[in-house]
Amino acid sequence: MYAADQASWHVQFKLSFSANPVMLLHVKIVPHISESWAPYLAEELKQPYMLELFAFLETQKRANIYPTRENWFAALEQTAFEDVKVVILGQDPYHGPGQAHGLSFSVPYNEKIPPSLRNIYKELQRDLGIEIPDHGCLTAWAKQGVLLLNATLTVEEKSPGSHQNRGWEKFTDAAISALNEHRQGLVFMLWGKYAQDKGASIDASRHLVLEARHPSPFSAYRGFFGCAHFSKANTYLELHQQQPVNWQLSDAVSQLGFDFSSPTS
């Protein structure tokens, strides 16, 4: 897991102020990537653009950054490189308190289901007859090989897109490129133009690339509903001798044995 220990983060700054302030950064390497992804991404973390990104994040200590530091690489921790079957690309983490936990479209059990995820559930129900769960936590998908990867892995509270073009996109491009080149027979679900542009280099002769409109309430009725991506993914996986994904999520009460609707004390 990404090291949450503050002692593992060492960032030194030399500031030179002028008409255009310049920050000269000397960053001692910080993060730990999961063992399965390390052959493809460990060196990427040492690149200057990533060191600048980590240094930038260190300067944001007074801001509320989501998700919390230990969940920045949660998608890669939850789904090992060799276990990936399906990739669902998102854009930004959720920017509200308590929502983001490192998996695209997913929220913790006790958080309200976001509108886009609710539409994903509606399409699952239409496509496969899946019952809509009472929570928005997609960890069970991740554990089955569904990589829930955002293009940008952090965001400032109430400021969507605030950490775009800081380096995360290049890093997540490297993750997608590694899957594209070193794996075969994967399913990539690209919802909306942003995801489709990011996945433009995926080799459709080696993988199944599924495109649709974004599940946002603003676009779901213009091409997401009816896309049948979940049944198409499972059919493809079975044709390639892989276990299909069980898209049905257990309710939070049965999953955790705890009723979040009841006050604790």
C-alpha atoms as a PDB file:
ATOM      1  CA  MET A   1       0.000   0.000   0.000  1.00  0.00           C
ATOM      2  CA  TYR A   2       1.085   3.542  -0.599  1.00  0.00           C
ATOM      3  CA  ALA A   3       3.126   4.635   2.405  1.00  0.00           C
ATOM      4  CA  ALA A   4       1.042   6.829   4.666  1.00  0.00           C
ATOM      5  CA  ASP A   5       3.916   7.320   7.052  1.00  0.00           C
ATOM      6  CA  GLN A   6       4.953  10.954   6.933  1.00  0.00           C
ATOM      7  CA  ALA A   7       8.542   9.895   7.544  1.00  0.00           C
ATOM      8  CA  SER A   8       8.634   8.359   4.064  1.00  0.00           C
ATOM      9  CA  TRP A   9       7.910  11.725   2.476  1.00  0.00           C
ATOM     10  CA  HIS A  10      10.924  14.004   2.247  1.00  0.00           C
ATOM     11  CA  VAL A  11      10.551  17.099   0.127  1.00  0.00           C
ATOM     12  CA  GLN A  12      12.971  20.003   0.221  1.00  0.00           C
ATOM     13  CA  PHE A  13      12.165  23.268  -1.439  1.00  0.00           C
ATOM     14  CA  LYS A  14      14.337  26.107  -2.652  1.00  0.00           C
ATOM     15  CA  LEU A  15      12.237  29.086  -3.588  1.00  0.00           C
ATOM     16  CA  SER A  16      13.316  31.808  -5.942  1.00  0.00           C
ATOM     17  CA  PHE A  17      10.859  34.687  -6.095  1.00  0.00           C
ATOM     18  CA  SER A  18      10.718  37.048  -9.036  1.00  0.00           C
ATOM     19  CA  ALA A  19       8.040  38.426 -11.326  1.00  0.00           C
ATOM     20  CA  ASN A  20       7.319  34.792 -12.146  1.00  0.00           C
ATOM     21  CA  PRO A  21       8.106  32.782  -9.000  1.00  0.00           C
ATOM     22  CA  VAL A  22      10.049  29.615  -9.711  1.00  0.00           C
ATOM     23  CA  MET A  23      10.169  26.675  -7.380  1.00  0.00           C
ATOM     24  CA  LEU A  24      13.300  24.554  -7.608  1.00  0.00           C
ATOM     25  CA  LEU A  25      12.384  21.148  -6.301  1.00  0.00           C
ATOM     26  CA  HIS A  26      14.615  18.494  -4.820  1.00  0.00           C
ATOM     27  CA  VAL A  27      12.420  15.553  -4.015  1.00  0.00           C
ATOM     28  CA  LYS A  28      13.559  12.391  -2.347  1.00  0.00           C
ATOM     29  CA  ILE A  29      11.519   9.500  -3.705  1.00  0.00           C
ATOM     30  CA  VAL A  30       8.404   8.850  -1.751  1.00  0.00           C
ATOM     31  CA  PRO A  31       5.765   6.430  -2.896  1.00  0.00           C
ATOM     32  CA  HIS A  32       5.648   2.695  -2.967  1.00  0.00           C
ATOM     33  CA  ILE A  33       3.860   1.027  -5.858  1.00  0.00           C
ATOM     34  CA  SER A  34       2.331  -2.428  -5.516  1.00  0.00           C
ATOM     35  CA  GLU A  35       4.644  -5.294  -6.402  1.00  0.00           C
ATOM     36  CA  SER A  36       2.670  -6.436  -9.446  1.00  0.00           C
ATOM     37  CA  TRP A  37       2.754  -2.971 -11.062  1.00  0.00           C
ATOM     38  CA  ALA A  38       6.328  -2.141 -10.055  1.00  0.00           C
ATOM     39  CA  PRO A  39       8.021  -3.569 -13.197  1.00  0.00           C
ATOM     40  CA  TYR A  40       5.942  -1.185 -15.317  1.00  0.00           C
ATOM     41  CA  LEU A  41       5.514   1.902 -13.134  1.00  0.00           C
ATOM     42  CA  ALA A  42       8.206   2.039 -10.433  1.00  0.00           C
ATOM     43  CA  GLU A  43      10.653   3.883 -12.688  1.00  0.00           C
ATOM     44  CA  GLU A  44       7.864   6.185 -13.832  1.00  0.00           C
ATOM     45  CA  LEU A  45       7.498   7.412 -10.257  1.00  0.00           C
ATOM     46  CA  LYS A  46      11.086   8.667 -10.341  1.00  0.00           C
ATOM     47  CA  GLN A  47      10.635  10.766 -13.459  1.00  0.00           C
ATOM     48  CA  PRO A  48      10.969  14.549 -13.022  1.00  0.00           C
ATOM     49  CA  TYR A  49       7.309  15.191 -13.834  1.00  0.00           C
ATOM     50  CA  MET A  50       6.214  12.871 -11.004  1.00  0.00           C
ATOM     51  CA  LEU A  51       8.670  14.363  -8.528  1.00  0.00           C
ATOM     52  CA  GLU A  52       7.298  17.792  -9.382  1.00  0.00           C
ATOM     53  CA  LEU A  53       3.772  16.461  -8.872  1.00  0.00           C
ATOM     54  CA  PHE A  54       4.595  15.055  -5.431  1.00  0.00           C
ATOM     55  CA  ALA A  55       6.294  18.298  -4.481  1.00  0.00           C
ATOM     56  CA  PHE A  56       3.214  20.249  -5.589  1.00  0.00           C
ATOM     57  CA  LEU A  57       1.005  18.008  -3.464  1.00  0.00           C
ATOM     58  CA  GLU A  58       3.256  18.618  -0.466  1.00  0.00           C
ATOM     59  CA  THR A  59       2.666  22.356  -0.858  1.00  0.00           C
ATOM     60  CA  GLN A  60      -1.095  21.760  -0.669  1.00  0.00           C
ATOM     61  CA  LYS A  61      -1.114  20.614   2.960  1.00  0.00           C
ATOM     62  CA  ARG A  62      -3.500  23.380   3.980  1.00  0.00           C
ATOM     63  CA  ALA A  63      -6.008  22.323   1.338  1.00  0.00           C
ATOM     64  CA  ASN A  64      -8.275  19.308   1.592  1.00  0.00           C
ATOM     65  CA  ILE A  65      -7.017  16.844  -1.014  1.00  0.00           C
ATOM     66  CA  TYR A  66      -9.050  13.791  -2.009  1.00  0.00           C
ATOM     67  CA  PRO A  67      -8.645  10.926  -1.719  1.00  0.00           C
ATOM     68  CA  THR A  68      -6.419  10.668   1.332  1.00  0.00           C
ATOM     69  CA  ARG A  69      -2.765   9.990   0.602  1.00  0.00           C
ATOM     70  CA  GLU A  70      -2.930   6.275   1.407  1.00  0.00           C
ATOM     71  CA  ASN A  71      -5.585   5.847  -1.307  1.00  0.00           C
ATOM     72  CA  TRP A  72      -3.889   7.684  -4.160  1.00  0.00           C
ATOM     73  CA  PHE A  73      -2.827   4.371  -5.706  1.00  0.00           C
ATOM     74  CA  ALA A  74      -5.767   2.314  -4.438  1.00  0.00           C
ATOM     75  CA  ALA A  75      -6.820   1.229  -7.938  1.00  0.00           C
ATOM     76  CA  LEU A  76      -3.410  -0.374  -8.501  1.00  0.00           C
ATOM     77  CA  GLU A  77      -3.399  -1.896  -5.017  1.00  0.00           C
ATOM     78  CA  GLN A  78      -6.870  -3.386  -5.321  1.00  0.00           C
ATOM     79  CA  THR A  79      -6.290  -4.908  -8.770  1.00  0.00           C
ATOM     80  CA  ALA A  80      -2.961  -6.556  -9.499  1.00  0.00           C
ATOM     81  CA  PHE A  81      -1.487  -6.099 -12.966  1.00  0.00           C
ATOM     82  CA  GLU A  82      -1.790  -9.775 -13.863  1.00  0.00           C
ATOM     83  CA  ASP A  83      -5.399  -9.928 -12.597  1.00  0.00           C
ATOM     84  CA  VAL A  84      -6.797  -7.099 -14.713  1.00  0.00           C
ATOM     85  CA  LYS A  85      -9.668  -8.212 -16.964  1.00  0.00           C
ATOM     86  CA  VAL A  86     -11.638  -5.006 -17.445  1.00  0.00           C
ATOM     87  CA  VAL A  87     -10.548  -1.364 -17.308  1.00  0.00           C
ATOM     88  CA  ILE A  88     -13.087   1.374 -16.552  1.00  0.00           C
ATOM     89  CA  LEU A  89     -11.541   4.793 -17.034  1.00  0.00           C
ATOM     90  CA  GLY A  90     -12.701   7.793 -15.047  1.00  0.00           C
ATOM     91  CA  GLN A  91     -11.496  11.384 -15.077  1.00  0.00           C
ATOM     92  CA  ASP A  92     -11.220  13.021 -11.632  1.00  0.00           C
ATOM     93  CA  PRO A  93     -11.778  11.680  -8.127  1.00  0.00           C
ATOM     94  CA  TYR A  94     -14.956  12.914  -6.443  1.00  0.00           C
ATOM     95  CA  HIS A  95     -14.279  16.291  -4.845  1.00  0.00           C
ATOM     96  CA  GLY A  96     -16.730  16.144  -1.928  1.00  0.00           C
ATOM     97  CA  PRO A  97     -15.708  15.186   1.639  1.00  0.00           C
ATOM     98  CA  GLY A  98     -15.586  11.439   2.222  1.00  0.00           C
ATOM     99  CA  GLN A  99     -16.470  10.434  -1.342  1.00  0.00           C
ATOM    100  CA  ALA A 100     -13.200   9.557  -3.080  1.00  0.00           C
ATOM    101  CA  HIS A 101     -11.324   6.421  -2.052  1.00  0.00           C
ATOM    102  CA  GLY A 102      -9.118   5.828  -5.066  1.00  0.00           C
ATOM    103  CA  LEU A 103     -11.430   3.869  -7.394  1.00  0.00           C
ATOM    104  CA  SER A 104     -13.131   5.512 -10.353  1.00  0.00           C
ATOM    105  CA  PHE A 105     -16.915   5.959  -9.965  1.00  0.00           C
ATOM    106  CA  SER A 106     -16.791   4.292  -6.521  1.00  0.00           C
ATOM    107  CA  VAL A 107     -17.538   5.732  -3.066  1.00  0.00           C
ATOM    108  CA  PRO A 108     -17.241   4.170   0.409  1.00  0.00           C
ATOM    109  CA  TYR A 109     -20.167   2.137   1.725  1.00  0.00           C
ATOM    110  CA  ASN A 110     -21.623   4.892   3.888  1.00  0.00           C
ATOM    111  CA  GLU A 111     -21.643   7.559   1.142  1.00  0.00           C
ATOM    112  CA  LYS A 112     -24.605   8.473  -1.028  1.00  0.00           C
ATOM    113  CA  ILE A 113     -24.504   6.864  -4.481  1.00  0.00           C
ATOM    114  CA  PRO A 114     -23.400   9.546  -6.997  1.00  0.00           C
ATOM    115  CA  PRO A 115     -25.634  10.212 -10.033  1.00  0.00           C
ATOM    116  CA  SER A 116     -23.235   8.714 -12.625  1.00  0.00           C
ATOM    117  CA  LEU A 117     -22.838   5.525 -10.621  1.00  0.00           C
ATOM    118  CA  ARG A 118     -26.591   5.286 -10.161  1.00  0.00           C
ATOM    119  CA  ASN A 119     -26.903   5.381 -13.943  1.00  0.00           C
ATOM    120  CA  ILE A 120     -24.257   2.663 -14.232  1.00  0.00           C
ATOM    121  CA  TYR A 121     -26.395   0.544 -11.917  1.00  0.00           C
ATOM    122  CA  LYS A 122     -29.480   1.261 -14.040  1.00  0.00           C
ATOM    123  CA  GLU A 123     -27.681   0.060 -17.157  1.00  0.00           C
ATOM    124  CA  LEU A 124     -26.481  -3.055 -15.330  1.00  0.00           C
ATOM    125  CA  GLN A 125     -30.064  -3.780 -14.334  1.00  0.00           C
ATOM    126  CA  ARG A 126     -31.291  -3.270 -17.893  1.00  0.00           C
ATOM    127  CA  ASP A 127     -28.409  -5.254 -19.406  1.00  0.00           C
ATOM    128  CA  LEU A 128     -28.077  -8.191 -17.002  1.00  0.00           C
ATOM    129  CA  GLY A 129     -30.995  -7.939 -14.611  1.00  0.00           C
ATOM    130  CA  ILE A 130     -28.616  -6.948 -11.814  1.00  0.00           C
ATOM    131  CA  GLU A 131     -30.290  -5.744  -8.628  1.00  0.00           C
ATOM    132  CA  ILE A 132     -29.272  -2.223  -7.660  1.00  0.00           C
ATOM    133  CA  PRO A 133     -27.325  -2.315  -4.360  1.00  0.00           C
ATOM    134  CA  ASP A 134     -27.817   0.104  -1.466  1.00  0.00           C
ATOM    135  CA  HIS A 135     -24.270   1.503  -1.672  1.00  0.00           C
ATOM    136  CA  GLY A 136     -21.695   2.754  -4.162  1.00  0.00           C
ATOM    137  CA  CYS A 137     -18.587   0.806  -3.143  1.00  0.00           C
ATOM    138  CA  LEU A 138     -17.110  -1.045  -6.134  1.00  0.00           C
ATOM    139  CA  THR A 139     -14.281  -2.786  -4.284  1.00  0.00           C
ATOM    140  CA  ALA A 140     -15.819  -6.182  -5.091  1.00  0.00           C
ATOM    141  CA  TRP A 141     -15.403  -5.415  -8.801  1.00  0.00           C
ATOM    142  CA  ALA A 142     -11.791  -4.365  -8.283  1.00  0.00           C
ATOM    143  CA  LYS A 143     -11.038  -7.639  -6.505  1.00  0.00           C
ATOM    144  CA  GLN A 144     -12.369  -9.529  -9.524  1.00  0.00           C
ATOM    145  CA  GLY A 145     -10.033  -7.779 -11.935  1.00  0.00           C
ATOM    146  CA  VAL A 146     -11.916  -4.610 -12.828  1.00  0.00           C
ATOM    147  CA  LEU A 147      -9.357  -1.806 -12.795  1.00  0.00           C
ATOM    148  CA  LEU A 148     -11.215   1.350 -11.755  1.00  0.00           C
ATOM    149  CA  LEU A 149      -8.685   3.956 -12.805  1.00  0.00           C
ATOM    150  CA  ASN A 150      -9.087   7.715 -12.849  1.00  0.00           C
ATOM    151  CA  ALA A 151      -6.908   9.752 -15.203  1.00  0.00           C
ATOM    152  CA  THR A 152      -6.085  12.145 -12.357  1.00  0.00           C
ATOM    153  CA  LEU A 153      -5.580  10.550  -8.964  1.00  0.00           C
ATOM    154  CA  THR A 154      -6.108  13.559  -6.697  1.00  0.00           C
ATOM    155  CA  VAL A 155      -8.300  16.646  -6.530  1.00  0.00           C
ATOM    156  CA  GLU A 156      -8.797  19.608  -4.220  1.00  0.00           C
ATOM    157  CA  GLU A 157     -12.060  19.776  -2.289  1.00  0.00           C
ATOM    158  CA  LYS A 158     -14.918  21.413  -4.213  1.00  0.00           C
ATOM    159  CA  SER A 159     -12.591  22.133  -7.130  1.00  0.00           C
ATOM    160  CA  PRO A 160     -13.107  19.607  -9.951  1.00  0.00           C
ATOM    161  CA  GLY A 161     -10.177  19.378 -12.336  1.00  0.00           C
ATOM    162  CA  SER A 162      -7.888  21.248  -9.957  1.00  0.00           C
ATOM    163  CA  HIS A 163      -5.062  18.700 -10.277  1.00  0.00           C
ATOM    164  CA  GLN A 164      -5.313  18.154 -14.003  1.00  0.00           C
ATOM    165  CA  ASN A 165      -2.187  18.748 -16.100  1.00  0.00           C
ATOM    166  CA  ARG A 166       0.072  18.292 -13.070  1.00  0.00           C
ATOM    167  CA  GLY A 167       1.449  14.913 -14.152  1.00  0.00           C
ATOM    168  CA  TRP A 168      -1.120  12.333 -13.122  1.00  0.00           C
ATOM    169  CA  GLU A 169      -2.384  11.935 -16.688  1.00  0.00           C
ATOM    170  CA  LYS A 170       1.059  10.948 -17.954  1.00  0.00           C
ATOM    171  CA  PHE A 171       1.401   8.428 -15.142  1.00  0.00           C
ATOM    172  CA  THR A 172      -1.990   6.826 -15.792  1.00  0.00           C
ATOM    173  CA  ASP A 173      -1.202   6.821 -19.532  1.00  0.00           C
ATOM    174  CA  ALA A 174       1.834   4.702 -18.625  1.00  0.00           C
ATOM    175  CA  ALA A 175      -0.385   2.278 -16.716  1.00  0.00           C
ATOM    176  CA  ILE A 176      -2.748   1.947 -19.685  1.00  0.00           C
ATOM    177  CA  SER A 177       0.173   1.548 -22.074  1.00  0.00           C
ATOM    178  CA  ALA A 178       1.627  -1.251 -19.945  1.00  0.00           C
ATOM    179  CA  LEU A 179      -1.668  -3.128 -20.027  1.00  0.00           C
ATOM    180  CA  ASN A 180      -2.052  -2.546 -23.750  1.00  0.00           C
ATOM    181  CA  GLU A 181       1.421  -3.832 -24.553  1.00  0.00           C
ATOM    182  CA  HIS A 182       1.986  -6.579 -21.990  1.00  0.00           C
ATOM    183  CA  ARG A 183      -1.486  -8.074 -21.620  1.00  0.00           C
ATOM    184  CA  GLN A 184      -3.934  -9.442 -24.147  1.00  0.00           C
ATOM    185  CA  GLY A 185      -7.694 -10.030 -24.198  1.00  0.00           C
ATOM    186  CA  LEU A 186      -8.671  -7.164 -21.880  1.00  0.00           C
ATOM    187  CA  VAL A 187     -11.875  -5.138 -22.020  1.00  0.00           C
ATOM    188  CA  PHE A 188     -11.571  -1.347 -21.969  1.00  0.00           C
ATOM    189  CA  MET A 189     -14.762   0.580 -21.199  1.00  0.00           C
ATOM    190  CA  LEU A 190     -14.388   4.158 -22.429  1.00  0.00           C
ATOM    191  CA  TRP A 191     -17.325   6.330 -21.423  1.00  0.00           C
ATOM    192  CA  GLY A 192     -17.356   9.857 -22.791  1.00  0.00           C
ATOM    193  CA  LYS A 193     -14.941  11.759 -25.018  1.00  0.00           C
ATOM    194  CA  TYR A 194     -12.319  12.252 -22.320  1.00  0.00           C
ATOM    195  CA  ALA A 195     -11.934   8.520 -21.710  1.00  0.00           C
ATOM    196  CA  GLN A 196     -12.079   7.772 -25.428  1.00  0.00           C
ATOM    197  CA  ASP A 197      -9.310  10.255 -26.182  1.00  0.00           C
ATOM    198  CA  LYS A 198      -7.210   8.798 -23.372  1.00  0.00           C
ATOM    199  CA  GLY A 199      -7.727   5.282 -24.697  1.00  0.00           C
ATOM    200  CA  ALA A 200      -7.147   6.159 -28.351  1.00  0.00           C
ATOM    201  CA  SER A 201      -3.874   4.219 -28.505  1.00  0.00           C
ATOM    202  CA  ILE A 202      -5.330   0.933 -27.214  1.00  0.00           C
ATOM    203  CA  ASP A 203      -4.793  -1.849 -29.750  1.00  0.00           C
ATOM    204  CA  ALA A 204      -8.273  -3.078 -30.702  1.00  0.00           C
ATOM    205  CA  SER A 205      -6.754  -6.140 -32.375  1.00  0.00           C
ATOM    206  CA  ARG A 206      -5.504  -7.324 -28.955  1.00  0.00           C
ATOM    207  CA  HIS A 207      -8.299  -6.061 -26.708  1.00  0.00           C
ATOM    208  CA  LEU A 208     -12.017  -5.274 -26.753  1.00  0.00           C
ATOM    209  CA  VAL A 209     -12.578  -1.516 -26.743  1.00  0.00           C
ATOM    210  CA  LEU A 210     -16.131  -0.486 -25.824  1.00  0.00           C
ATOM    211  CA  GLU A 211     -17.193   3.142 -26.246  1.00  0.00           C
ATOM    212  CA  ALA A 212     -20.340   4.937 -25.116  1.00  0.00           C
ATOM    213  CA  ARG A 213     -21.479   8.285 -23.810  1.00  0.00           C
ATOM    214  CA  HIS A 214     -20.619   9.142 -20.218  1.00  0.00           C
ATOM    215  CA  PRO A 215     -23.106   7.868 -17.580  1.00  0.00           C
ATOM    216  CA  SER A 216     -23.569  11.405 -16.249  1.00  0.00           C
ATOM    217  CA  PRO A 217     -27.226  12.522 -16.045  1.00  0.00           C
ATOM    218  CA  PHE A 218     -26.335  15.065 -18.754  1.00  0.00           C
ATOM    219  CA  SER A 219     -25.461  12.390 -21.325  1.00  0.00           C
ATOM    220  CA  ALA A 220     -26.620   8.948 -20.165  1.00  0.00           C
ATOM    221  CA  TYR A 221     -29.811   9.094 -22.231  1.00  0.00           C
ATOM    222  CA  ARG A 222     -27.837  10.005 -25.347  1.00  0.00           C
ATOM    223  CA  GLY A 223     -25.918   6.746 -25.692  1.00  0.00           C
ATOM    224  CA  PHE A 224     -24.939   5.218 -22.364  1.00  0.00           C
ATOM    225  CA  PHE A 225     -28.247   3.548 -21.590  1.00  0.00           C
ATOM    226  CA  GLY A 226     -28.543   0.585 -23.905  1.00  0.00           C
ATOM    227  CA  CYS A 227     -24.787   0.188 -24.509  1.00  0.00           C
ATOM    228  CA  ALA A 228     -24.812  -3.311 -22.934  1.00  0.00           C
ATOM    229  CA  HIS A 229     -21.115  -3.046 -22.095  1.00  0.00           C
ATOM    230  CA  PHE A 230     -21.335  -5.387 -19.134  1.00  0.00           C
ATOM    231  CA  SER A 231     -22.818  -8.332 -21.012  1.00  0.00           C
ATOM    232  CA  LYS A 232     -20.476  -7.662 -23.948  1.00  0.00           C
ATOM    233  CA  ALA A 233     -17.508  -7.695 -21.587  1.00  0.00           C
ATOM    234  CA  ASN A 234     -18.478 -11.015 -20.049  1.00  0.00           C
ATOM    235  CA  THR A 235     -19.128 -12.611 -23.444  1.00  0.00           C
ATOM    236  CA  TYR A 236     -15.676 -11.501 -24.613  1.00  0.00           C
ATOM    237  CA  LEU A 237     -13.984 -12.747 -21.430  1.00  0.00           C
ATOM    238  CA  GLU A 238     -15.599 -16.162 -21.766  1.00  0.00           C
ATOM    239  CA  LEU A 239     -14.570 -16.376 -25.431  1.00  0.00           C
ATOM    240  CA  HIS A 240     -11.010 -15.743 -24.257  1.00  0.00           C
ATOM    241  CA  GLN A 241     -11.160 -18.436 -21.570  1.00  0.00           C
ATOM    242  CA  GLN A 242     -11.455 -15.970 -18.709  1.00  0.00           C
ATOM    243  CA  GLN A 243     -13.871 -15.969 -15.788  1.00  0.00           C
ATOM    244  CA  PRO A 244     -16.651 -13.432 -16.375  1.00  0.00           C
ATOM    245  CA  VAL A 245     -17.170 -10.649 -13.850  1.00  0.00           C
ATOM    246  CA  ASN A 246     -19.930 -11.041 -11.289  1.00  0.00           C
ATOM    247  CA  TRP A 247     -21.311  -7.509 -11.505  1.00  0.00           C
ATOM    248  CA  GLN A 248     -23.848  -8.060  -8.736  1.00  0.00           C
ATOM    249  CA  LEU A 249     -22.838  -6.218  -5.561  1.00  0.00           C
ATOM    250  CA  SER A 250     -24.032  -7.318  -2.143  1.00  0.00           C
ATOM    251  CA  ASP A 251     -25.885  -4.779  -0.040  1.00  0.00           C
ATOM    252  CA  ALA A 252     -23.760  -2.961   2.523  1.00  0.00           C
ATOM    253  CA  VAL A 253     -25.561  -4.616   5.436  1.00  0.00           C
ATOM    254  CA  SER A 254     -24.816  -8.142   4.223  1.00  0.00           C
ATOM    255  CA  GLN A 255     -21.320  -7.160   3.109  1.00  0.00           C
ATOM    256  CA  LEU A 256     -20.213  -5.588   6.371  1.00  0.00           C
ATOM    257  CA  GLY A 257     -22.786  -6.769   8.881  1.00  0.00           C
ATOM    258  CA  PHE A 258     -23.494  -3.150   9.786  1.00  0.00           C
ATOM    259  CA  ASP A 259     -26.542  -0.991   9.110  1.00  0.00           C
ATOM    260  CA  PHE A 260     -25.287   2.458   8.133  1.00  0.00           C
ATOM    261  CA  SER A 261     -28.813   3.832   8.332  1.00  0.00           C
ATOM    262  CA  SER A 262     -28.813   3.414  12.110  1.00  0.00           C
ATOM    263  CA  PRO A 263     -27.010   5.849  14.425  1.00  0.00           C
ATOM    264  CA  THR A 264     -24.095   4.327  16.292  1.00  0.00           C
ATOM    265  CA  SER A 265     -24.140   6.451  19.426  1.00  0.00           C
END
